[in-house]
Amino acid sequence: MDNFKLLAILSPFISAFLVGFSSYYFNLKNKRFDILYQYKLPAFKEMSVKFIELKKYCTGQIGLENTPYLSDKLQAKELRAGIIDSYDNNAIFLNSKTRRTIEFLINQMRTIVRLEDLAEKEEVEFKQKYKDYTIILGLTNNCIEVLYKDLDLK
């Protein structure tokens, strides 16, 4: 009977401790999650804007001359530099799969940079240009998809 009295006296204290500790733990975890998203959302927005610019650029390059996305102002070098800069500034918020996907896109963008450098000196075959820009367009779509999966908004 003595153990039951002790248990009756200690059980409210044990319950209060467990409730207090669990609410503190989950509240702390929730605050950390909120702070992470506070910085993560602008980073993802900046990167997605760069990817959408690249997507429009590639669409303009493989399209006909009257496409609304055809631009003489932009070049692949500038777009690649912008994506690299955005990636360097925001890589801390990305998981490893997303980082690998973006790094692969950046490496593959060298082909269109070289293609544009070559096009300044001589005529480039339309089939080769179409193929390279289509590959980059597909990789860009993949990066956008992986980026939003990484954001994990449900």
Protein backbone atom coordinates (compact mmCIF):
# COMPACT_ATOMS: atom_id res chain seq x y z
CA MET A 1 0.00 0.00 0.00
CA ASP A 2 2.93 2.30 0.64
CA ASN A 3 4.06 2.12 -3.00
CA PHE A 4 0.60 3.13 -4.22
CA LYS A 5 0.58 6.23 -2.03
CA LEU A 6 4.04 7.21 -3.28
CA LEU A 7 2.92 6.64 -6.87
CA ALA A 8 -0.24 8.70 -6.26
CA ILE A 9 1.88 11.58 -4.95
CA LEU A 10 4.59 11.42 -7.67
CA SER A 11 2.38 10.78 -10.71
CA PRO A 12 1.17 14.41 -11.11
CA PHE A 13 4.78 15.63 -10.94
CA ILE A 14 5.96 13.07 -13.47
CA SER A 15 3.04 13.93 -15.77
CA ALA A 16 3.73 17.65 -15.48
CA PHE A 17 7.41 17.09 -16.25
CA LEU A 18 6.66 14.94 -19.30
CA VAL A 19 4.08 17.42 -20.64
CA GLY A 20 6.40 20.37 -20.04
CA PHE A 21 9.39 18.69 -21.62
CA SER A 22 7.48 17.44 -24.67
CA SER A 23 5.81 20.82 -25.29
CA TYR A 24 9.19 22.58 -24.92
CA TYR A 25 10.83 20.12 -27.34
CA PHE A 26 8.13 20.39 -30.00
CA ASN A 27 7.86 24.16 -29.62
CA LEU A 28 11.62 24.49 -30.08
CA LYS A 29 11.52 22.23 -33.11
CA ASN A 30 8.64 24.22 -34.58
CA LYS A 31 10.49 27.53 -34.08
CA ARG A 32 13.59 26.12 -35.76
CA PHE A 33 11.43 24.95 -38.67
CA ASP A 34 9.82 28.41 -38.96
CA ILE A 35 13.19 30.18 -38.92
CA LEU A 36 14.56 27.82 -41.57
CA TYR A 37 11.57 28.47 -43.83
CA GLN A 38 11.89 32.20 -43.25
CA TYR A 39 15.26 32.10 -45.01
CA LYS A 40 14.58 29.15 -47.28
CA LEU A 41 11.62 30.64 -49.15
CA PRO A 42 13.46 33.72 -50.52
CA ALA A 43 16.39 31.50 -51.51
CA PHE A 44 14.12 29.13 -53.42
CA LYS A 45 12.32 32.04 -55.04
CA GLU A 46 15.61 33.55 -56.23
CA MET A 47 16.78 30.25 -57.68
CA SER A 48 13.47 29.49 -59.35
CA VAL A 49 13.50 32.92 -61.03
CA LYS A 50 16.95 32.12 -62.49
CA PHE A 51 15.73 28.73 -63.73
CA ILE A 52 12.63 30.26 -65.31
CA GLU A 53 14.83 32.83 -67.09
CA LEU A 54 16.95 29.99 -68.45
CA LYS A 55 13.84 28.06 -69.47
CA LYS A 56 12.48 31.06 -71.39
CA TYR A 57 15.87 31.63 -72.99
CA CYS A 58 16.16 28.03 -74.19
CA THR A 59 12.58 28.09 -75.45
CA GLY A 60 13.38 31.24 -77.41
CA GLN A 61 16.54 29.76 -78.87
CA ILE A 62 14.90 26.59 -80.15
CA GLY A 63 11.72 28.33 -81.28
CA LEU A 64 11.00 30.19 -84.46
CA GLU A 65 12.04 33.80 -84.89
CA ASN A 66 8.66 35.16 -83.88
CA THR A 67 8.65 33.47 -80.46
CA PRO A 68 8.00 35.86 -77.55
CA TYR A 69 10.97 34.43 -75.66
CA LEU A 70 13.62 35.18 -78.26
CA SER A 71 16.02 37.69 -76.73
CA ASP A 72 19.11 39.38 -78.07
CA LYS A 73 19.93 40.88 -74.66
CA LEU A 74 20.64 37.65 -72.83
CA GLN A 75 23.43 35.19 -73.42
CA ALA A 76 24.02 31.74 -71.99
CA LYS A 77 27.20 32.96 -70.28
CA GLU A 78 25.28 35.57 -68.30
CA LEU A 79 22.52 33.13 -67.39
CA ARG A 80 25.05 30.52 -66.27
CA ALA A 81 26.88 33.10 -64.17
CA GLY A 82 23.59 34.17 -62.56
CA ILE A 83 22.64 30.59 -61.75
CA ILE A 84 26.10 29.90 -60.30
CA ASP A 85 25.92 33.03 -58.17
CA SER A 86 22.44 32.18 -56.91
CA TYR A 87 23.49 28.58 -56.25
CA ASP A 88 26.59 29.65 -54.31
CA ASN A 89 24.54 32.01 -52.15
CA ASN A 90 21.75 29.53 -51.42
CA ALA A 91 23.34 26.07 -51.51
CA ILE A 92 23.15 25.83 -47.73
CA PHE A 93 19.36 25.53 -47.93
CA LEU A 94 19.39 22.68 -50.47
CA ASN A 95 19.58 18.97 -49.86
CA SER A 96 22.27 16.89 -51.54
CA LYS A 97 20.06 15.59 -54.38
CA THR A 98 19.02 19.10 -55.35
CA ARG A 99 22.63 20.32 -55.21
CA ARG A 100 23.78 17.48 -57.48
CA THR A 101 20.97 18.21 -59.96
CA ILE A 102 21.81 21.92 -60.13
CA GLU A 103 25.55 21.24 -60.40
CA PHE A 104 24.85 18.87 -63.31
CA LEU A 105 22.81 21.58 -65.05
CA ILE A 106 25.59 24.13 -64.53
CA ASN A 107 28.15 21.73 -66.00
CA GLN A 108 25.92 20.93 -68.97
CA MET A 109 25.34 24.62 -69.65
CA ARG A 110 28.95 24.78 -70.84
CA THR A 111 27.78 23.17 -74.08
CA ILE A 112 25.46 26.04 -74.97
CA VAL A 113 28.06 28.60 -73.86
CA ARG A 114 30.55 26.98 -76.24
CA LEU A 115 27.87 26.74 -78.91
CA GLU A 116 27.19 30.48 -78.67
CA ASP A 117 30.91 31.27 -78.75
CA LEU A 118 31.20 29.12 -81.86
CA ALA A 119 28.12 30.74 -83.41
CA GLU A 120 29.79 34.15 -83.20
CA LYS A 121 32.62 32.89 -85.41
CA GLU A 122 30.76 30.59 -87.80
CA GLU A 123 27.35 29.22 -88.61
CA VAL A 124 26.08 26.48 -86.30
CA GLU A 125 23.85 23.68 -87.53
CA PHE A 126 20.22 24.12 -86.48
CA LYS A 127 19.94 20.44 -85.50
CA GLN A 128 22.88 20.70 -83.10
CA LYS A 129 21.57 23.95 -81.64
CA TYR A 130 18.09 22.47 -81.24
CA LYS A 131 19.47 19.34 -79.57
CA ASP A 132 21.68 21.21 -77.08
CA TYR A 133 19.03 23.74 -76.07
CA THR A 134 16.41 21.00 -75.73
CA ILE A 135 18.70 19.06 -73.38
CA ILE A 136 19.28 22.17 -71.25
CA LEU A 137 15.54 22.91 -71.28
CA GLY A 138 14.80 19.40 -69.96
CA LEU A 139 17.48 19.70 -67.28
CA THR A 140 16.08 23.09 -66.26
CA ASN A 141 12.58 21.64 -65.91
CA ASN A 142 14.07 18.85 -63.81
CA CYS A 143 15.87 21.37 -61.58
CA ILE A 144 12.66 23.35 -61.04
CA GLU A 145 10.81 20.17 -60.12
CA VAL A 146 13.54 18.97 -57.72
CA LEU A 147 13.80 22.44 -56.19
CA TYR A 148 10.10 22.52 -55.32
CA LYS A 149 10.21 18.95 -54.01
CA ASP A 150 13.08 20.05 -51.77
CA LEU A 151 10.97 22.92 -50.45
CA ASP A 152 8.57 20.25 -49.18
CA LEU A 153 5.41 22.32 -48.94
CA LYS A 154 2.46 20.03 -48.34
